[in-house]
Amino acid sequence: MTFTTTVTFPPNNEATSSYPLEAEEKGKMADEAPAYSIVSRCAAEFFGLVVFVFVGTAQALAGGGILNAALAHGITIFILIAAFGNLSGGHFNPAVTLGIAAVGRISPVHAVCYILSQLGGGFFGSLLAKLIMGDSFEKFGFGATIFAANVAWYQGLLAELFATFMLVQTVLMTAVDTGSNQLAPLAIGFTVAADILAIGTLTGASMNPGRSFGPQIVGALFHSSAIRPTNRYWALHWVYYLGPFGGAILAAVIYKVFYSRENRILK
């Protein structure tokens, strides 16, 4: 399963993409407001993905099905955003970072640094789960996001695109458009949980390339045919990148056209 996500909190700290107004008053992009270095912010994104992917994959061993997965991902992303929102903006999702970059609230260079940190964190989170859980982890497919047997590629693509659109739109409206919405972490966490409940049985509900990347790599590295006969970790893997990134761009375009408080195309 997935998740992910972003941003928050009021302006007593200007480190994040949550504070466009404060940053613009200084003639800077929001992510360039002084406070934390890009190294500190990337470290936060890396650590956040380690935690998110570890919890998101390890929870599969507890059973509980789709509801357990939705709660685990939603609660974890809520905690991470509440904890790190004032430091890095709390993206914890390459698709969210792309959406925020597309509306001009983080520089392209910093966005690339964030995404690389997130992918690296996703890999180490999945590897940590494998080291702790051992061979039993493979019985649950390493917690990887995998298509259900009866789901066509275009159905999965549309599901991931629309679910990510919902997530990034929530991020933009609750965390990027205003820097004082204290409910942003809760709204984002609930969106992740709702999306998993909606499409989790179809694609695993990634919405987050960082969430899919780690288990795909770990699954390919440690797959044992004796434990799990088929190796499907890279089956239709491109959907888990194209869908979320496409949904993020769609959310950014709609936000800029209709909803942005500043520089909105339709006034």
C-alpha atoms as a PDB file:
ATOM      1  CA  MET A   1       0.000   0.000   0.000  1.00  0.00           C
ATOM      2  CA  THR A   2       1.035   3.603  -0.194  1.00  0.00           C
ATOM      3  CA  PHE A   3       1.194   6.908   0.914  1.00  0.00           C
ATOM      4  CA  THR A   4       2.278   9.815   1.497  1.00  0.00           C
ATOM      5  CA  THR A   5       2.495  13.494   1.332  1.00  0.00           C
ATOM      6  CA  THR A   6       3.244  17.049   2.735  1.00  0.00           C
ATOM      7  CA  VAL A   7       3.573  20.383   4.168  1.00  0.00           C
ATOM      8  CA  THR A   8       2.059  22.374   7.015  1.00  0.00           C
ATOM      9  CA  PHE A   9       2.119  24.826   9.854  1.00  0.00           C
ATOM     10  CA  PRO A  10       2.326  28.490  10.649  1.00  0.00           C
ATOM     11  CA  PRO A  11       5.113  30.949  10.082  1.00  0.00           C
ATOM     12  CA  ASN A  12       7.342  30.805  13.111  1.00  0.00           C
ATOM     13  CA  ASN A  13       9.660  28.730  10.949  1.00  0.00           C
ATOM     14  CA  GLU A  14      10.124  29.500   7.256  1.00  0.00           C
ATOM     15  CA  ALA A  15      11.855  26.334   6.139  1.00  0.00           C
ATOM     16  CA  THR A  16       9.090  24.747   4.131  1.00  0.00           C
ATOM     17  CA  SER A  17       7.118  25.030   0.966  1.00  0.00           C
ATOM     18  CA  SER A  18       4.148  25.737   3.224  1.00  0.00           C
ATOM     19  CA  TYR A  19       5.021  29.403   3.508  1.00  0.00           C
ATOM     20  CA  PRO A  20       4.723  31.071   0.134  1.00  0.00           C
ATOM     21  CA  LEU A  21       3.550  34.391   1.559  1.00  0.00           C
ATOM     22  CA  GLU A  22       6.436  34.862   3.957  1.00  0.00           C
ATOM     23  CA  ALA A  23       8.935  33.781   1.327  1.00  0.00           C
ATOM     24  CA  GLU A  24       7.504  36.002  -1.375  1.00  0.00           C
ATOM     25  CA  GLU A  25       7.702  39.025   0.898  1.00  0.00           C
ATOM     26  CA  LYS A  26      11.447  38.493   0.808  1.00  0.00           C
ATOM     27  CA  GLY A  27      11.435  38.000  -2.963  1.00  0.00           C
ATOM     28  CA  LYS A  28      12.300  34.311  -2.675  1.00  0.00           C
ATOM     29  CA  MET A  29      10.674  31.048  -3.614  1.00  0.00           C
ATOM     30  CA  ALA A  30       8.996  29.381  -0.661  1.00  0.00           C
ATOM     31  CA  ASP A  31      11.473  26.551  -0.405  1.00  0.00           C
ATOM     32  CA  GLU A  32      14.334  29.020  -0.314  1.00  0.00           C
ATOM     33  CA  ALA A  33      13.201  30.761   2.859  1.00  0.00           C
ATOM     34  CA  PRO A  34      16.044  30.548   5.386  1.00  0.00           C
ATOM     35  CA  ALA A  35      16.118  28.185   8.354  1.00  0.00           C
ATOM     36  CA  TYR A  36      17.161  24.620   7.558  1.00  0.00           C
ATOM     37  CA  SER A  37      19.772  23.684   4.977  1.00  0.00           C
ATOM     38  CA  ILE A  38      18.862  21.547   1.992  1.00  0.00           C
ATOM     39  CA  VAL A  39      20.928  18.756   3.566  1.00  0.00           C
ATOM     40  CA  SER A  40      18.809  18.829   6.737  1.00  0.00           C
ATOM     41  CA  ARG A  41      15.625  18.920   4.721  1.00  0.00           C
ATOM     42  CA  CYS A  42      16.662  16.025   2.500  1.00  0.00           C
ATOM     43  CA  ALA A  43      17.655  14.070   5.604  1.00  0.00           C
ATOM     44  CA  ALA A  44      14.140  14.612   6.969  1.00  0.00           C
ATOM     45  CA  GLU A  45      12.594  13.395   3.714  1.00  0.00           C
ATOM     46  CA  PHE A  46      14.896  10.364   3.694  1.00  0.00           C
ATOM     47  CA  PHE A  47      14.094   9.428   7.290  1.00  0.00           C
ATOM     48  CA  GLY A  48      10.390   9.993   6.727  1.00  0.00           C
ATOM     49  CA  LEU A  49      10.331   7.528   3.844  1.00  0.00           C
ATOM     50  CA  VAL A  50      12.303   4.983   5.870  1.00  0.00           C
ATOM     51  CA  VAL A  51       9.595   5.110   8.539  1.00  0.00           C
ATOM     52  CA  PHE A  52       6.670   5.279   6.104  1.00  0.00           C
ATOM     53  CA  VAL A  53       7.798   2.347   3.977  1.00  0.00           C
ATOM     54  CA  PHE A  54       8.848   0.270   6.980  1.00  0.00           C
ATOM     55  CA  VAL A  55       5.444   0.655   8.627  1.00  0.00           C
ATOM     56  CA  GLY A  56       3.574   0.357   5.341  1.00  0.00           C
ATOM     57  CA  THR A  57       5.243  -2.906   4.390  1.00  0.00           C
ATOM     58  CA  ALA A  58       5.634  -4.507   7.819  1.00  0.00           C
ATOM     59  CA  GLN A  59       1.959  -4.051   8.665  1.00  0.00           C
ATOM     60  CA  ALA A  60       1.105  -6.707   6.068  1.00  0.00           C
ATOM     61  CA  LEU A  61       2.374  -9.411   8.443  1.00  0.00           C
ATOM     62  CA  ALA A  62      -0.225  -8.440  11.029  1.00  0.00           C
ATOM     63  CA  GLY A  63      -3.079  -9.310   8.711  1.00  0.00           C
ATOM     64  CA  GLY A  64      -6.209  -7.191   8.960  1.00  0.00           C
ATOM     65  CA  GLY A  65      -6.442  -6.626   5.226  1.00  0.00           C
ATOM     66  CA  ILE A  66      -7.244  -3.301   3.611  1.00  0.00           C
ATOM     67  CA  LEU A  67      -8.481  -1.568   6.775  1.00  0.00           C
ATOM     68  CA  ASN A  68      -5.254  -2.318   8.622  1.00  0.00           C
ATOM     69  CA  ALA A  69      -3.232  -0.994   5.681  1.00  0.00           C
ATOM     70  CA  ALA A  70      -5.301   2.188   5.435  1.00  0.00           C
ATOM     71  CA  LEU A  71      -4.927   2.941   9.137  1.00  0.00           C
ATOM     72  CA  ALA A  72      -1.198   2.167   9.189  1.00  0.00           C
ATOM     73  CA  HIS A  73      -0.408   4.424   6.229  1.00  0.00           C
ATOM     74  CA  GLY A  74      -2.802   7.216   7.181  1.00  0.00           C
ATOM     75  CA  ILE A  75      -1.671   7.436  10.803  1.00  0.00           C
ATOM     76  CA  THR A  76       2.017   7.237   9.877  1.00  0.00           C
ATOM     77  CA  ILE A  77       1.831  10.024   7.313  1.00  0.00           C
ATOM     78  CA  PHE A  78      -0.129  12.169   9.778  1.00  0.00           C
ATOM     79  CA  ILE A  79       2.595  11.724  12.406  1.00  0.00           C
ATOM     80  CA  LEU A  80       5.418  12.394   9.953  1.00  0.00           C
ATOM     81  CA  ILE A  81       3.868  15.587   8.592  1.00  0.00           C
ATOM     82  CA  ALA A  82       3.085  16.857  12.080  1.00  0.00           C
ATOM     83  CA  ALA A  83       6.670  16.124  13.158  1.00  0.00           C
ATOM     84  CA  PHE A  84       8.616  17.317  10.110  1.00  0.00           C
ATOM     85  CA  GLY A  85       6.259  19.785   8.422  1.00  0.00           C
ATOM     86  CA  ASN A  86       8.150  22.806   9.741  1.00  0.00           C
ATOM     87  CA  LEU A  87      11.487  21.318   8.717  1.00  0.00           C
ATOM     88  CA  SER A  88      11.195  20.000   5.167  1.00  0.00           C
ATOM     89  CA  GLY A  89       7.573  20.692   4.333  1.00  0.00           C
ATOM     90  CA  GLY A  90       6.839  17.037   4.981  1.00  0.00           C
ATOM     91  CA  HIS A  91       6.436  15.857   1.394  1.00  0.00           C
ATOM     92  CA  PHE A  92       7.462  12.198   1.849  1.00  0.00           C
ATOM     93  CA  ASN A  93       6.301  11.445  -1.686  1.00  0.00           C
ATOM     94  CA  PRO A  94       7.985  12.205  -5.045  1.00  0.00           C
ATOM     95  CA  ALA A  95       4.566  12.862  -6.592  1.00  0.00           C
ATOM     96  CA  VAL A  96       3.770  15.459  -3.935  1.00  0.00           C
ATOM     97  CA  THR A  97       7.159  17.095  -4.477  1.00  0.00           C
ATOM     98  CA  LEU A  98       6.507  17.217  -8.227  1.00  0.00           C
ATOM     99  CA  GLY A  99       3.096  18.799  -7.665  1.00  0.00           C
ATOM    100  CA  ILE A 100       4.531  21.456  -5.359  1.00  0.00           C
ATOM    101  CA  ALA A 101       7.351  22.147  -7.825  1.00  0.00           C
ATOM    102  CA  ALA A 102       4.806  22.470 -10.647  1.00  0.00           C
ATOM    103  CA  VAL A 103       3.029  25.298  -8.816  1.00  0.00           C
ATOM    104  CA  GLY A 104       6.341  27.053  -8.147  1.00  0.00           C
ATOM    105  CA  ARG A 105       6.661  26.478  -4.394  1.00  0.00           C
ATOM    106  CA  ILE A 106       9.947  24.588  -4.490  1.00  0.00           C
ATOM    107  CA  SER A 107      12.850  25.066  -6.894  1.00  0.00           C
ATOM    108  CA  PRO A 108      13.528  22.365  -9.508  1.00  0.00           C
ATOM    109  CA  VAL A 109      16.984  21.644  -8.067  1.00  0.00           C
ATOM    110  CA  HIS A 110      15.660  21.190  -4.550  1.00  0.00           C
ATOM    111  CA  ALA A 111      12.791  19.087  -5.883  1.00  0.00           C
ATOM    112  CA  VAL A 112      15.265  16.690  -7.499  1.00  0.00           C
ATOM    113  CA  CYS A 113      17.218  16.471  -4.222  1.00  0.00           C
ATOM    114  CA  TYR A 114      13.999  15.705  -2.355  1.00  0.00           C
ATOM    115  CA  ILE A 115      12.938  12.998  -4.807  1.00  0.00           C
ATOM    116  CA  LEU A 116      16.309  11.253  -4.702  1.00  0.00           C
ATOM    117  CA  SER A 117      16.229  11.341  -0.892  1.00  0.00           C
ATOM    118  CA  GLN A 118      12.705   9.929  -0.872  1.00  0.00           C
ATOM    119  CA  LEU A 119      13.566   7.064  -3.220  1.00  0.00           C
ATOM    120  CA  GLY A 120      16.631   6.239  -1.139  1.00  0.00           C
ATOM    121  CA  GLY A 121      14.586   6.302   2.053  1.00  0.00           C
ATOM    122  CA  GLY A 122      11.993   4.021   0.503  1.00  0.00           C
ATOM    123  CA  PHE A 123      14.654   1.475  -0.354  1.00  0.00           C
ATOM    124  CA  PHE A 124      16.226   1.499   3.118  1.00  0.00           C
ATOM    125  CA  GLY A 125      12.810   1.302   4.780  1.00  0.00           C
ATOM    126  CA  SER A 126      11.977  -1.811   2.788  1.00  0.00           C
ATOM    127  CA  LEU A 127      15.420  -3.292   3.424  1.00  0.00           C
ATOM    128  CA  LEU A 128      15.020  -2.676   7.161  1.00  0.00           C
ATOM    129  CA  ALA A 129      11.677  -4.487   7.133  1.00  0.00           C
ATOM    130  CA  LYS A 130      13.283  -7.430   5.330  1.00  0.00           C
ATOM    131  CA  LEU A 131      16.155  -7.624   7.833  1.00  0.00           C
ATOM    132  CA  ILE A 132      13.778  -7.566  10.807  1.00  0.00           C
ATOM    133  CA  MET A 133      11.050  -9.836   9.421  1.00  0.00           C
ATOM    134  CA  GLY A 134      13.298 -12.355   7.678  1.00  0.00           C
ATOM    135  CA  ASP A 135      11.948 -14.946   5.250  1.00  0.00           C
ATOM    136  CA  SER A 136       8.386 -14.591   6.513  1.00  0.00           C
ATOM    137  CA  PHE A 137       8.331 -11.157   4.913  1.00  0.00           C
ATOM    138  CA  GLU A 138       8.397 -12.688   1.434  1.00  0.00           C
ATOM    139  CA  LYS A 139       5.217 -14.643   2.084  1.00  0.00           C
ATOM    140  CA  PHE A 140       3.490 -11.271   2.012  1.00  0.00           C
ATOM    141  CA  GLY A 141       5.315 -10.118  -1.096  1.00  0.00           C
ATOM    142  CA  PHE A 142       7.641  -7.770   0.817  1.00  0.00           C
ATOM    143  CA  GLY A 143       4.652  -5.443   1.173  1.00  0.00           C
ATOM    144  CA  ALA A 144       5.041  -4.456  -2.476  1.00  0.00           C
ATOM    145  CA  THR A 145       2.295  -2.718  -4.446  1.00  0.00           C
ATOM    146  CA  ILE A 146       1.119  -5.308  -6.974  1.00  0.00           C
ATOM    147  CA  PHE A 147      -1.826  -5.418  -9.374  1.00  0.00           C
ATOM    148  CA  ALA A 148      -4.738  -7.702  -8.535  1.00  0.00           C
ATOM    149  CA  ALA A 149      -5.029 -10.572 -11.005  1.00  0.00           C
ATOM    150  CA  ASN A 150      -8.141  -9.260 -12.770  1.00  0.00           C
ATOM    151  CA  VAL A 151      -7.056  -5.614 -13.109  1.00  0.00           C
ATOM    152  CA  ALA A 152      -5.954  -4.351 -16.543  1.00  0.00           C
ATOM    153  CA  TRP A 153      -3.051  -1.939 -16.879  1.00  0.00           C
ATOM    154  CA  TYR A 154      -5.266   0.988 -17.923  1.00  0.00           C
ATOM    155  CA  GLN A 155      -7.566   0.431 -14.941  1.00  0.00           C
ATOM    156  CA  GLY A 156      -4.631   0.451 -12.568  1.00  0.00           C
ATOM    157  CA  LEU A 157      -3.155   3.513 -14.246  1.00  0.00           C
ATOM    158  CA  LEU A 158      -6.401   5.466 -13.920  1.00  0.00           C
ATOM    159  CA  ALA A 159      -6.824   4.339 -10.312  1.00  0.00           C
ATOM    160  CA  GLU A 160      -3.324   5.476  -9.336  1.00  0.00           C
ATOM    161  CA  LEU A 161      -3.669   8.718 -11.294  1.00  0.00           C
ATOM    162  CA  PHE A 162      -6.990   9.690  -9.719  1.00  0.00           C
ATOM    163  CA  ALA A 163      -6.029   8.649  -6.187  1.00  0.00           C
ATOM    164  CA  THR A 164      -2.809  10.663  -6.403  1.00  0.00           C
ATOM    165  CA  PHE A 165      -4.732  13.592  -7.848  1.00  0.00           C
ATOM    166  CA  MET A 166      -6.956  13.537  -4.752  1.00  0.00           C
ATOM    167  CA  LEU A 167      -3.922  13.376  -2.478  1.00  0.00           C
ATOM    168  CA  VAL A 168      -1.911  16.158  -4.127  1.00  0.00           C
ATOM    169  CA  GLN A 169      -4.995  18.367  -4.448  1.00  0.00           C
ATOM    170  CA  THR A 170      -5.542  17.987  -0.699  1.00  0.00           C
ATOM    171  CA  VAL A 171      -1.912  18.883  -0.053  1.00  0.00           C
ATOM    172  CA  LEU A 172      -2.088  21.974  -2.245  1.00  0.00           C
ATOM    173  CA  MET A 173      -5.368  23.206  -0.764  1.00  0.00           C
ATOM    174  CA  THR A 174      -4.672  22.533   2.917  1.00  0.00           C
ATOM    175  CA  ALA A 175      -0.920  22.962   3.236  1.00  0.00           C
ATOM    176  CA  VAL A 176       0.488  24.929   0.312  1.00  0.00           C
ATOM    177  CA  ASP A 177      -2.263  27.496  -0.273  1.00  0.00           C
ATOM    178  CA  THR A 178      -2.227  28.535   3.365  1.00  0.00           C
ATOM    179  CA  GLY A 179       0.536  28.315   5.937  1.00  0.00           C
ATOM    180  CA  SER A 180      -1.786  28.360   8.950  1.00  0.00           C
ATOM    181  CA  ASN A 181      -3.985  25.294   8.517  1.00  0.00           C
ATOM    182  CA  GLN A 182      -3.216  23.190  11.565  1.00  0.00           C
ATOM    183  CA  LEU A 183      -5.517  20.441  10.279  1.00  0.00           C
ATOM    184  CA  ALA A 184      -3.416  19.840   7.151  1.00  0.00           C
ATOM    185  CA  PRO A 185      -1.635  16.728   8.525  1.00  0.00           C
ATOM    186  CA  LEU A 186      -4.970  15.230   9.548  1.00  0.00           C
ATOM    187  CA  ALA A 187      -6.610  15.998   6.192  1.00  0.00           C
ATOM    188  CA  ILE A 188      -3.692  14.482   4.301  1.00  0.00           C
ATOM    189  CA  GLY A 189      -3.582  11.398   6.508  1.00  0.00           C
ATOM    190  CA  PHE A 190      -7.304  10.823   6.034  1.00  0.00           C
ATOM    191  CA  THR A 191      -6.926  11.242   2.269  1.00  0.00           C
ATOM    192  CA  VAL A 192      -4.223   8.577   2.168  1.00  0.00           C
ATOM    193  CA  ALA A 193      -6.408   6.223   4.207  1.00  0.00           C
ATOM    194  CA  ALA A 194      -9.490   6.891   2.063  1.00  0.00           C
ATOM    195  CA  ASP A 195      -7.554   6.310  -1.160  1.00  0.00           C
ATOM    196  CA  ILE A 196      -6.240   2.987   0.142  1.00  0.00           C
ATOM    197  CA  LEU A 197      -9.751   1.896   1.084  1.00  0.00           C
ATOM    198  CA  ALA A 198     -10.913   2.861  -2.417  1.00  0.00           C
ATOM    199  CA  ILE A 199      -8.247   1.299  -4.656  1.00  0.00           C
ATOM    200  CA  GLY A 200      -6.085  -0.809  -2.367  1.00  0.00           C
ATOM    201  CA  THR A 201      -7.600  -4.048  -3.619  1.00  0.00           C
ATOM    202  CA  LEU A 202      -6.878  -3.053  -7.231  1.00  0.00           C
ATOM    203  CA  THR A 203      -3.276  -1.847  -7.296  1.00  0.00           C
ATOM    204  CA  GLY A 204      -2.149  -1.745  -3.678  1.00  0.00           C
ATOM    205  CA  ALA A 205      -2.871   2.007  -3.714  1.00  0.00           C
ATOM    206  CA  SER A 206       0.640   3.370  -4.030  1.00  0.00           C
ATOM    207  CA  MET A 207       0.105   7.050  -4.929  1.00  0.00           C
ATOM    208  CA  ASN A 208       3.771   7.351  -4.038  1.00  0.00           C
ATOM    209  CA  PRO A 209       6.723   6.234  -6.204  1.00  0.00           C
ATOM    210  CA  GLY A 210       8.867   6.206  -3.057  1.00  0.00           C
ATOM    211  CA  ARG A 211       6.498   3.695  -1.468  1.00  0.00           C
ATOM    212  CA  SER A 212       6.635   1.361  -4.489  1.00  0.00           C
ATOM    213  CA  PHE A 213      10.320   1.725  -5.380  1.00  0.00           C
ATOM    214  CA  GLY A 214      11.862   0.176  -2.252  1.00  0.00           C
ATOM    215  CA  PRO A 215       9.770  -3.017  -2.095  1.00  0.00           C
ATOM    216  CA  GLN A 216      10.203  -3.520  -5.842  1.00  0.00           C
ATOM    217  CA  ILE A 217      13.983  -3.420  -5.497  1.00  0.00           C
ATOM    218  CA  VAL A 218      14.079  -5.533  -2.329  1.00  0.00           C
ATOM    219  CA  GLY A 219      11.640  -8.023  -3.832  1.00  0.00           C
ATOM    220  CA  ALA A 220      13.796  -8.414  -6.925  1.00  0.00           C
ATOM    221  CA  LEU A 221      16.969  -8.807  -4.842  1.00  0.00           C
ATOM    222  CA  PHE A 222      15.675 -11.299  -2.282  1.00  0.00           C
ATOM    223  CA  HIS A 223      12.991 -13.206  -4.184  1.00  0.00           C
ATOM    224  CA  SER A 224      12.976 -16.931  -3.468  1.00  0.00           C
ATOM    225  CA  SER A 225      10.958 -19.169  -5.768  1.00  0.00           C
ATOM    226  CA  ALA A 226      10.737 -21.726  -2.959  1.00  0.00           C
ATOM    227  CA  ILE A 227       8.745 -19.262  -0.827  1.00  0.00           C
ATOM    228  CA  ARG A 228       6.857 -17.352  -3.508  1.00  0.00           C
ATOM    229  CA  PRO A 229       6.746 -19.102  -6.918  1.00  0.00           C
ATOM    230  CA  THR A 230       6.095 -16.029  -9.063  1.00  0.00           C
ATOM    231  CA  ASN A 231       8.208 -12.891  -9.168  1.00  0.00           C
ATOM    232  CA  ARG A 232       5.741 -10.104  -9.947  1.00  0.00           C
ATOM    233  CA  TYR A 233       7.531  -7.241  -8.253  1.00  0.00           C
ATOM    234  CA  TRP A 234       8.324  -5.480 -11.524  1.00  0.00           C
ATOM    235  CA  ALA A 235       5.086  -6.390 -13.304  1.00  0.00           C
ATOM    236  CA  LEU A 236       3.579  -3.151 -14.651  1.00  0.00           C
ATOM    237  CA  HIS A 237       5.897  -1.233 -12.330  1.00  0.00           C
ATOM    238  CA  TRP A 238       5.767   1.814 -14.624  1.00  0.00           C
ATOM    239  CA  VAL A 239       2.148   2.384 -13.574  1.00  0.00           C
ATOM    240  CA  TYR A 240       3.366   3.249 -10.062  1.00  0.00           C
ATOM    241  CA  TYR A 241       5.430   6.108 -11.484  1.00  0.00           C
ATOM    242  CA  LEU A 242       3.400   7.351 -14.445  1.00  0.00           C
ATOM    243  CA  GLY A 243       0.093   7.277 -12.553  1.00  0.00           C
ATOM    244  CA  PRO A 244       1.200   9.239  -9.462  1.00  0.00           C
ATOM    245  CA  PHE A 245       3.277  11.742 -11.435  1.00  0.00           C
ATOM    246  CA  GLY A 246       0.408  12.255 -13.880  1.00  0.00           C
ATOM    247  CA  GLY A 247      -2.038  12.764 -11.020  1.00  0.00           C
ATOM    248  CA  ALA A 248       0.311  15.276  -9.393  1.00  0.00           C
ATOM    249  CA  ILE A 249       0.616  17.335 -12.582  1.00  0.00           C
ATOM    250  CA  LEU A 250      -3.162  17.271 -13.079  1.00  0.00           C
ATOM    251  CA  ALA A 251      -3.701  18.483  -9.513  1.00  0.00           C
ATOM    252  CA  ALA A 252      -1.135  21.258  -9.989  1.00  0.00           C
ATOM    253  CA  VAL A 253      -2.762  22.456 -13.223  1.00  0.00           C
ATOM    254  CA  ILE A 254      -6.262  22.537 -11.710  1.00  0.00           C
ATOM    255  CA  TYR A 255      -4.924  24.299  -8.632  1.00  0.00           C
ATOM    256  CA  LYS A 256      -3.200  26.995 -10.690  1.00  0.00           C
ATOM    257  CA  VAL A 257      -6.205  27.509 -12.963  1.00  0.00           C
ATOM    258  CA  PHE A 258      -9.003  27.580 -10.384  1.00  0.00           C
ATOM    259  CA  TYR A 259      -7.881  27.652  -6.753  1.00  0.00           C
ATOM    260  CA  SER A 260      -4.537  29.344  -6.088  1.00  0.00           C
ATOM    261  CA  ARG A 261      -4.873  32.438  -3.940  1.00  0.00           C
ATOM    262  CA  GLU A 262      -2.061  34.076  -5.917  1.00  0.00           C
ATOM    263  CA  ASN A 263      -1.460  34.140  -9.663  1.00  0.00           C
ATOM    264  CA  ARG A 264      -4.643  32.178 -10.358  1.00  0.00           C
ATOM    265  CA  ILE A 265      -5.356  31.944 -14.088  1.00  0.00           C
ATOM    266  CA  LEU A 266      -9.146  32.280 -13.719  1.00  0.00           C
ATOM    267  CA  LYS A 267      -9.707  35.201 -11.366  1.00  0.00           C
END
